[in-house]
Amino acid sequence: MLSESPTLAMSARAKELKAQGEEVLDFSAGEPDFHPPAAVTAAVIDYVRTRPVHYAPVPGLPALRDAAAAEFARYHGRPVTRGEVLVSCGAKHSLATLFMVTLSPGDEVVIPAPYWVSYADMVRLGDGVPVIVPTRREDGWRLQPEALAAALTPKTRFIVLGNPTNPTGAGYPAPLLRALGEVMARVAPNCWLLVDDIYRRLVYGGFEHVSAITTLADVTEQIVVVDGVSKSYSMTGYRIGFLLAPAKVVSAASRLQGHTTSGAATVSQIAALAALTDPSCEAAVQDMHAAFTRRREFMLAGLGALPGLDIVAPDGAFYLFCDISRHIGPGTQFADDIAFATWLLEQKLVGTVPGTAFGAPGHLRLSYAAADETLRGGVERLGEALAGLPPPRAG
């Protein structure tokens, strides 16, 4: 049975309260608050003014597939053809379609926890078995080689790595990525590595994102990449994601897509094409990155000063994953992180997402993809809420 996305549920409840006139300060949604680059909007307006909008080919507009292939080739350092790229209705759609066309009943998919909320349900949708491997805060929430080796079996079909990952923002530096690749090649040589690169352009603090394809040259043919324009270009509502995979996988995924959504919305594809090909878009992307960098520093400082919140500075994305275990459990008014997050939203009007949704009870995820005034007000309100609680237990 598939579960409701907790992030979407918390975001929806925050919007309900706002619609009722409540002044909710919402940290729950993983959605940039910026306009997309001006060239994106201009391309869409020009397109709809000058021609009718028809269906797009199922695997994507040829020009967009070529542009995505060129971007993949540039970043991953190898030739990429149009036949290796599928355009879908967002990276989430790309992932779900991939699992449905590649997994057989009983196939296992290794997923490090904390994990993005939809990974496990997507695997189940494809008749696979999610194998959850906990990571540790002291390791920066990164999957370690020995833990991966213990999780691999002859049934392992995929290892999933978000780089950086949602919800922790943890990224994988080249040495660790190589070590994980060596384990994969030694213990489960027939499995594939699925890299979720949707946040790859949003990294900070000197962290350098590296291509898994370039870094793991020995297993390049067993690497699948999911990417898109939603996060880096602030185009979440356009719903465009890309799957980079061997042509036979893309062909199978395209056939399935033809019976589910057909091609992604034509206008959205025109917008994505402008994002990837108009040179003026890069300045807007850099401006957004600078704002996220500033917001990250503000949130780290602000939340770090509050009692009982323990945080690992994220390498990328736009989330802070806070350990609140000293405020919950026996001797407190909150049974768990779900009760704590519900109290924050319903009583204090601060929207967060409980860590249980990500396979990490005792935590909260806060997104800093919000306006500066929202962040300032939210940190202040969160501080006031914590000040009204008993002192946190000793760490």
Protein backbone atom coordinates (compact mmCIF):
# COMPACT_ATOMS: atom_id res chain seq x y z
CA MET A 1 0.00 0.00 0.00
CA LEU A 2 1.40 3.38 -1.02
CA SER A 3 1.61 6.10 1.62
CA GLU A 4 0.83 9.78 1.26
CA SER A 5 3.88 12.00 0.77
CA PRO A 6 4.43 13.56 4.22
CA THR A 7 6.20 16.59 2.76
CA LEU A 8 3.26 17.33 0.50
CA ALA A 9 0.82 16.69 3.35
CA MET A 10 2.57 19.13 5.70
CA SER A 11 2.86 21.71 2.93
CA ALA A 12 -0.84 21.31 2.10
CA ARG A 13 -1.83 21.77 5.75
CA ALA A 14 0.31 24.89 6.00
CA LYS A 15 -1.45 26.27 2.92
CA GLU A 16 -4.84 25.45 4.46
CA LEU A 17 -3.97 27.44 7.56
CA LYS A 18 -2.75 30.33 5.44
CA ALA A 19 -6.03 30.28 3.51
CA GLN A 20 -7.83 30.55 6.85
CA GLY A 21 -5.93 33.75 7.53
CA GLU A 22 -3.22 32.35 9.76
CA GLU A 23 0.29 33.78 9.44
CA VAL A 24 2.13 30.52 8.85
CA LEU A 25 5.89 30.63 8.42
CA ASP A 26 6.48 27.57 6.29
CA PHE A 27 9.74 25.61 6.15
CA SER A 28 8.12 22.45 4.81
CA ALA A 29 8.24 22.77 1.02
CA GLY A 30 11.30 21.98 -1.06
CA GLU A 31 10.48 24.65 -3.58
CA PRO A 32 12.52 27.75 -4.49
CA ASP A 33 10.66 31.02 -4.04
CA PHE A 34 12.26 32.76 -7.04
CA HIS A 35 10.93 33.47 -10.49
CA PRO A 36 12.63 31.37 -13.16
CA PRO A 37 15.14 33.13 -15.41
CA ALA A 38 13.50 35.83 -17.54
CA ALA A 39 14.42 34.03 -20.76
CA VAL A 40 12.35 31.03 -19.65
CA THR A 41 9.22 33.12 -19.21
CA ALA A 42 9.85 34.98 -22.46
CA ALA A 43 10.20 31.72 -24.39
CA VAL A 44 6.89 30.44 -23.05
CA ILE A 45 5.04 33.68 -23.85
CA ASP A 46 6.44 33.79 -27.37
CA TYR A 47 5.53 30.16 -27.99
CA VAL A 48 1.90 30.36 -26.86
CA ARG A 49 1.35 33.66 -28.69
CA THR A 50 2.62 32.47 -32.04
CA ARG A 51 1.28 28.92 -32.47
CA PRO A 52 -1.15 26.35 -31.13
CA VAL A 53 0.16 24.09 -28.40
CA HIS A 54 0.04 20.45 -29.47
CA TYR A 55 1.13 17.18 -27.90
CA ALA A 56 4.87 16.64 -27.64
CA PRO A 57 6.50 13.33 -28.62
CA VAL A 58 6.36 10.84 -25.75
CA PRO A 59 10.12 10.82 -25.00
CA GLY A 60 10.36 14.60 -25.32
CA LEU A 61 10.84 17.30 -27.93
CA PRO A 62 13.87 16.39 -30.05
CA ALA A 63 15.45 19.80 -29.42
CA LEU A 64 15.08 19.41 -25.64
CA ARG A 65 16.45 15.87 -25.64
CA ASP A 66 19.42 17.10 -27.65
CA ALA A 67 19.97 20.01 -25.28
CA ALA A 68 19.78 17.72 -22.25
CA ALA A 69 22.14 15.27 -23.95
CA ALA A 70 24.61 18.10 -24.58
CA GLU A 71 24.43 19.19 -20.93
CA PHE A 72 24.90 15.61 -19.74
CA ALA A 73 27.84 15.14 -22.10
CA ARG A 74 29.46 18.35 -20.88
CA TYR A 75 29.05 17.53 -17.22
CA HIS A 76 29.69 13.80 -17.26
CA GLY A 77 32.55 13.91 -19.72
CA ARG A 78 31.35 11.37 -22.26
CA PRO A 79 29.28 11.43 -25.44
CA VAL A 80 25.52 11.26 -24.84
CA THR A 81 22.97 10.64 -27.58
CA ARG A 82 19.35 11.68 -27.78
CA GLY A 83 18.37 8.03 -27.40
CA GLU A 84 19.87 7.96 -23.89
CA VAL A 85 17.65 10.80 -22.62
CA LEU A 86 14.01 10.66 -21.60
CA VAL A 87 12.04 13.81 -20.75
CA SER A 88 9.44 13.17 -18.05
CA CYS A 89 6.97 15.09 -15.91
CA GLY A 90 9.58 15.89 -13.26
CA ALA A 91 12.45 13.92 -11.75
CA LYS A 92 9.95 12.05 -9.55
CA HIS A 93 8.21 10.77 -12.66
CA SER A 94 11.57 9.75 -14.15
CA LEU A 95 12.38 7.71 -11.04
CA ALA A 96 9.00 5.98 -10.83
CA THR A 97 9.06 5.05 -14.50
CA LEU A 98 12.60 3.71 -14.23
CA PHE A 99 11.70 1.41 -11.35
CA MET A 100 8.58 0.14 -13.08
CA VAL A 101 10.45 -0.89 -16.24
CA THR A 102 13.58 -2.32 -14.62
CA LEU A 103 12.48 -4.10 -11.43
CA SER A 104 11.12 -7.63 -11.23
CA PRO A 105 9.21 -8.91 -8.19
CA GLY A 106 11.64 -9.38 -5.31
CA ASP A 107 14.43 -7.22 -6.74
CA GLU A 108 16.09 -5.22 -3.98
CA VAL A 109 16.95 -1.53 -4.02
CA VAL A 110 19.41 -0.22 -1.44
CA ILE A 111 18.33 3.17 -0.07
CA PRO A 112 20.41 5.03 2.54
CA ALA A 113 18.40 6.65 5.33
CA PRO A 114 17.55 9.44 5.85
CA TYR A 115 16.01 9.18 2.38
CA TRP A 116 13.73 11.23 0.19
CA VAL A 117 10.18 10.26 1.11
CA SER A 118 9.16 8.81 -2.28
CA TYR A 119 12.06 6.44 -2.98
CA ALA A 120 10.72 3.46 -1.04
CA ASP A 121 7.16 3.76 -2.34
CA MET A 122 8.42 4.08 -5.90
CA VAL A 123 10.38 0.85 -5.49
CA ARG A 124 7.26 -0.88 -4.19
CA LEU A 125 5.32 0.49 -7.15
CA GLY A 126 7.77 -1.38 -9.36
CA ASP A 127 7.28 -4.62 -7.33
CA GLY A 128 10.73 -4.18 -5.79
CA VAL A 129 11.85 -4.41 -2.18
CA PRO A 130 13.39 -1.31 -0.55
CA VAL A 131 16.39 -2.18 1.61
CA ILE A 132 16.89 0.71 4.01
CA VAL A 133 20.44 1.24 5.27
CA PRO A 134 20.77 3.74 8.14
CA THR A 135 23.54 6.34 8.00
CA ARG A 136 24.99 8.20 10.96
CA ARG A 137 25.19 11.87 11.84
CA GLU A 138 28.87 11.43 12.78
CA ASP A 139 29.51 10.28 9.17
CA GLY A 140 27.78 13.38 7.81
CA TRP A 141 24.73 11.26 6.91
CA ARG A 142 26.73 9.60 4.10
CA LEU A 143 26.50 5.90 3.27
CA GLN A 144 29.71 4.14 4.26
CA PRO A 145 31.35 1.32 2.26
CA GLU A 146 31.08 -1.28 5.03
CA ALA A 147 27.36 -0.57 5.49
CA LEU A 148 26.80 -0.87 1.76
CA ALA A 149 28.68 -4.16 1.59
CA ALA A 150 26.51 -5.61 4.36
CA ALA A 151 23.31 -4.61 2.53
CA LEU A 152 24.14 -6.04 -0.89
CA THR A 153 22.79 -9.44 -1.94
CA PRO A 154 22.40 -11.33 -5.22
CA LYS A 155 18.94 -9.75 -5.45
CA THR A 156 20.24 -6.15 -5.37
CA ARG A 157 19.24 -4.35 -8.56
CA PHE A 158 19.96 -0.71 -7.65
CA ILE A 159 21.84 1.38 -5.13
CA VAL A 160 20.25 4.83 -4.79
CA LEU A 161 22.38 7.86 -3.96
CA GLY A 162 21.06 11.40 -3.76
CA ASN A 163 23.99 13.71 -4.36
CA PRO A 164 23.34 15.98 -2.52
CA THR A 165 20.49 14.23 -0.82
CA ASN A 166 17.14 15.35 0.48
CA PRO A 167 16.61 15.74 3.47
CA THR A 168 20.13 16.07 4.91
CA GLY A 169 21.95 17.91 2.12
CA ALA A 170 24.78 15.38 2.40
CA GLY A 171 26.98 15.09 -0.69
CA TYR A 172 29.41 12.41 -1.76
CA PRO A 173 33.01 13.53 -2.37
CA ALA A 174 34.99 11.69 -5.02
CA PRO A 175 37.01 9.42 -2.66
CA LEU A 176 33.89 8.13 -0.92
CA LEU A 177 32.07 7.71 -4.23
CA ARG A 178 34.98 5.64 -5.52
CA ALA A 179 35.01 3.52 -2.37
CA LEU A 180 31.29 2.80 -2.76
CA GLY A 181 31.82 1.96 -6.42
CA GLU A 182 34.55 -0.51 -5.49
CA VAL A 183 32.19 -2.25 -3.06
CA MET A 184 29.50 -2.39 -5.71
CA ALA A 185 31.88 -3.89 -8.27
CA ARG A 186 33.26 -6.45 -5.81
CA VAL A 187 30.14 -7.58 -3.95
CA ALA A 188 27.28 -7.04 -6.42
CA PRO A 189 28.81 -6.61 -9.88
CA ASN A 190 25.47 -6.94 -11.65
CA CYS A 191 23.64 -4.20 -9.78
CA TRP A 192 23.24 -0.62 -10.98
CA LEU A 193 23.91 2.72 -9.33
CA LEU A 194 21.09 5.26 -9.53
CA VAL A 195 22.27 8.81 -8.85
CA ASP A 196 19.71 11.50 -8.11
CA ASP A 197 21.50 14.67 -9.22
CA ILE A 198 18.58 17.08 -9.00
CA TYR A 199 20.46 19.30 -6.49
CA ARG A 200 23.92 19.01 -8.06
CA ARG A 201 24.20 22.73 -8.85
CA LEU A 202 23.18 23.76 -5.34
CA VAL A 203 26.29 23.01 -3.29
CA TYR A 204 28.06 25.20 -0.75
CA GLY A 205 30.90 25.61 1.68
CA GLY A 206 33.61 24.41 -0.67
CA PHE A 207 31.93 21.08 -1.40
CA GLU A 208 32.61 19.98 -4.99
CA HIS A 209 29.96 17.89 -6.68
CA VAL A 210 31.47 15.23 -8.93
CA SER A 211 29.93 13.18 -11.70
CA ALA A 212 29.44 9.54 -10.73
CA ILE A 213 29.96 8.61 -14.37
CA THR A 214 33.32 10.36 -14.50
CA THR A 215 34.39 9.18 -11.04
CA LEU A 216 33.38 5.53 -11.53
CA ALA A 217 34.67 4.96 -15.04
CA ASP A 218 34.82 1.17 -14.55
CA VAL A 219 31.06 0.88 -14.05
CA THR A 220 29.84 3.67 -16.32
CA GLU A 221 27.48 1.35 -18.18
CA GLN A 222 25.74 0.53 -14.88
CA ILE A 223 25.02 4.11 -13.82
CA VAL A 224 21.67 5.81 -14.31
CA VAL A 225 21.24 9.53 -13.57
CA VAL A 226 18.11 11.50 -12.81
CA ASP A 227 18.27 15.27 -13.19
CA GLY A 228 16.03 18.19 -14.14
CA VAL A 229 15.41 21.93 -14.11
CA SER A 230 13.11 22.26 -11.10
CA LYS A 231 15.54 23.16 -8.32
CA SER A 232 18.47 24.97 -9.98
CA TYR A 233 16.28 27.06 -12.29
CA SER A 234 13.34 27.51 -9.87
CA MET A 235 10.98 25.72 -12.26
CA THR A 236 9.20 23.28 -9.95
CA GLY A 237 5.76 23.96 -11.39
CA TYR A 238 6.89 23.26 -14.94
CA ARG A 239 7.40 19.57 -14.02
CA ILE A 240 10.32 18.60 -16.25
CA GLY A 241 12.81 15.90 -15.33
CA PHE A 242 15.44 13.99 -17.27
CA LEU A 243 16.51 10.37 -17.18
CA LEU A 244 19.99 9.51 -18.49
CA ALA A 245 20.20 5.77 -19.06
CA PRO A 246 21.20 3.21 -21.71
CA ALA A 247 19.08 3.53 -24.85
CA LYS A 248 17.27 0.23 -24.20
CA VAL A 249 16.16 1.46 -20.77
CA VAL A 250 15.04 4.81 -22.18
CA SER A 251 13.12 3.00 -24.91
CA ALA A 252 11.28 0.82 -22.38
CA ALA A 253 10.59 3.79 -20.12
CA SER A 254 9.26 5.75 -23.09
CA ARG A 255 6.85 2.94 -23.96
CA LEU A 256 5.49 2.95 -20.42
CA GLN A 257 5.29 6.74 -20.39
CA GLY A 258 3.27 6.57 -23.59
CA HIS A 259 0.56 4.66 -21.71
CA THR A 260 0.59 6.83 -18.58
CA THR A 261 1.25 10.53 -19.13
CA SER A 262 2.32 10.60 -22.79
CA GLY A 263 4.85 13.39 -23.34
CA ALA A 264 5.47 16.05 -20.75
CA ALA A 265 3.59 19.32 -21.31
CA THR A 266 4.83 20.98 -24.50
CA VAL A 267 4.97 24.47 -23.01
CA SER A 268 6.98 23.16 -20.06
CA GLN A 269 9.45 21.58 -22.45
CA ILE A 270 9.84 24.88 -24.29
CA ALA A 271 10.60 26.49 -20.94
CA ALA A 272 13.20 23.83 -20.11
CA LEU A 273 14.78 24.22 -23.52
CA ALA A 274 15.25 27.93 -22.88
CA ALA A 275 16.75 27.19 -19.45
CA LEU A 276 19.35 24.87 -20.95
CA THR A 277 20.21 26.86 -24.07
CA ASP A 278 19.76 30.60 -23.41
CA PRO A 279 23.10 31.96 -22.09
CA SER A 280 21.36 34.65 -20.05
CA CYS A 281 19.88 32.04 -17.72
CA GLU A 282 23.22 31.30 -16.09
CA ALA A 283 23.38 34.70 -14.37
CA ALA A 284 19.95 34.12 -12.83
CA VAL A 285 21.03 30.67 -11.61
CA GLN A 286 24.12 32.16 -9.98
CA ASP A 287 22.03 34.87 -8.31
CA MET A 288 19.73 32.20 -6.85
CA HIS A 289 22.72 30.20 -5.69
CA ALA A 290 24.14 33.26 -3.93
CA ALA A 291 20.82 33.79 -2.14
CA PHE A 292 20.70 30.14 -1.03
CA THR A 293 24.27 30.42 0.22
CA ARG A 294 23.38 33.46 2.31
CA ARG A 295 20.22 31.83 3.63
CA ARG A 296 22.10 28.66 4.55
CA GLU A 297 24.55 30.63 6.66
CA PHE A 298 21.75 32.56 8.34
CA MET A 299 19.81 29.39 9.18
CA LEU A 300 22.86 27.53 10.46
CA ALA A 301 23.68 30.41 12.78
CA GLY A 302 20.08 31.02 13.85
CA LEU A 303 19.11 27.42 14.53
CA GLY A 304 22.51 26.61 15.99
CA ALA A 305 21.86 29.14 18.72
CA LEU A 306 18.60 27.50 19.80
CA PRO A 307 18.57 24.98 22.66
CA GLY A 308 18.41 21.28 21.85
CA LEU A 309 18.77 21.45 18.07
CA ASP A 310 21.76 19.55 16.68
CA ILE A 311 22.60 20.05 13.00
CA VAL A 312 25.20 18.84 10.51
CA ALA A 313 25.96 21.63 8.03
CA PRO A 314 24.61 20.49 4.65
CA ASP A 315 26.85 20.21 1.59
CA GLY A 316 24.02 21.12 -0.75
CA ALA A 317 20.30 21.32 -1.56
CA PHE A 318 18.35 23.77 0.64
CA TYR A 319 17.48 21.90 3.81
CA LEU A 320 18.66 21.69 7.40
CA PHE A 321 18.08 18.37 9.14
CA CYS A 322 17.75 19.00 12.85
CA ASP A 323 18.08 16.42 15.60
CA ILE A 324 15.32 17.24 18.13
CA SER A 325 15.63 14.02 20.15
CA ARG A 326 16.40 15.97 23.33
CA HIS A 327 12.95 17.59 23.14
CA ILE A 328 10.86 14.45 22.61
CA GLY A 329 10.15 11.11 24.24
CA PRO A 330 9.76 10.14 27.91
CA GLY A 331 9.55 13.09 30.27
CA THR A 332 8.50 15.55 27.56
CA GLN A 333 5.13 16.60 26.17
CA PHE A 334 5.88 15.08 22.76
CA ALA A 335 5.80 11.37 22.02
CA ASP A 336 7.84 11.73 18.85
CA ASP A 337 8.93 14.04 16.03
CA ILE A 338 5.50 13.80 14.39
CA ALA A 339 3.83 15.18 17.51
CA PHE A 340 6.50 17.89 17.74
CA ALA A 341 6.07 18.96 14.10
CA THR A 342 2.27 18.92 14.44
CA TRP A 343 2.49 21.13 17.54
CA LEU A 344 4.79 23.56 15.76
CA LEU A 345 2.40 23.89 12.85
CA GLU A 346 -0.95 23.88 14.60
CA GLN A 347 -0.01 25.84 17.73
CA LYS A 348 3.01 27.93 16.73
CA LEU A 349 2.30 28.27 12.97
CA VAL A 350 5.76 27.05 11.94
CA GLY A 351 5.72 24.47 9.14
CA THR A 352 8.36 21.70 9.17
CA VAL A 353 8.50 18.02 8.18
CA PRO A 354 9.10 15.29 10.78
CA GLY A 355 12.14 13.09 10.30
CA THR A 356 10.03 9.94 10.48
CA ALA A 357 8.93 10.73 6.93
CA PHE A 358 12.55 10.29 5.84
CA GLY A 359 13.27 7.15 7.83
CA ALA A 360 14.95 9.12 10.62
CA PRO A 361 12.71 9.56 13.67
CA GLY A 362 13.69 12.25 16.12
CA HIS A 363 14.47 14.90 13.53
CA LEU A 364 12.87 17.80 11.65
CA ARG A 365 13.59 18.97 8.13
CA LEU A 366 13.49 22.71 7.55
CA SER A 367 13.75 24.14 4.05
CA TYR A 368 15.49 27.47 3.55
CA ALA A 369 13.99 27.85 0.07
CA ALA A 370 11.92 30.71 1.40
CA ALA A 371 12.05 34.49 1.45
CA ASP A 372 14.53 36.09 3.83
CA GLU A 373 11.76 37.65 5.94
CA THR A 374 10.12 34.23 6.31
CA LEU A 375 13.40 32.74 7.50
CA ARG A 376 14.00 35.54 9.99
CA GLY A 377 10.49 35.37 11.35
CA GLY A 378 10.52 31.58 11.43
CA VAL A 379 13.74 31.34 13.41
CA GLU A 380 12.45 33.92 15.87
CA ARG A 381 9.13 32.11 16.26
CA LEU A 382 10.84 28.74 16.62
CA GLY A 383 13.07 30.23 19.31
CA GLU A 384 10.02 31.51 21.17
CA ALA A 385 8.37 28.09 20.91
CA LEU A 386 11.42 26.31 22.31
CA ALA A 387 11.78 28.88 25.08
CA GLY A 388 8.34 27.86 26.32
CA LEU A 389 9.37 24.22 26.70
CA PRO A 390 11.28 22.60 29.53
CA PRO A 391 15.06 22.66 28.98
CA PRO A 392 16.20 19.89 26.60
CA ARG A 393 17.79 16.78 28.00
CA ALA A 394 21.57 16.75 28.05
CA GLY A 395 23.12 15.50 24.82
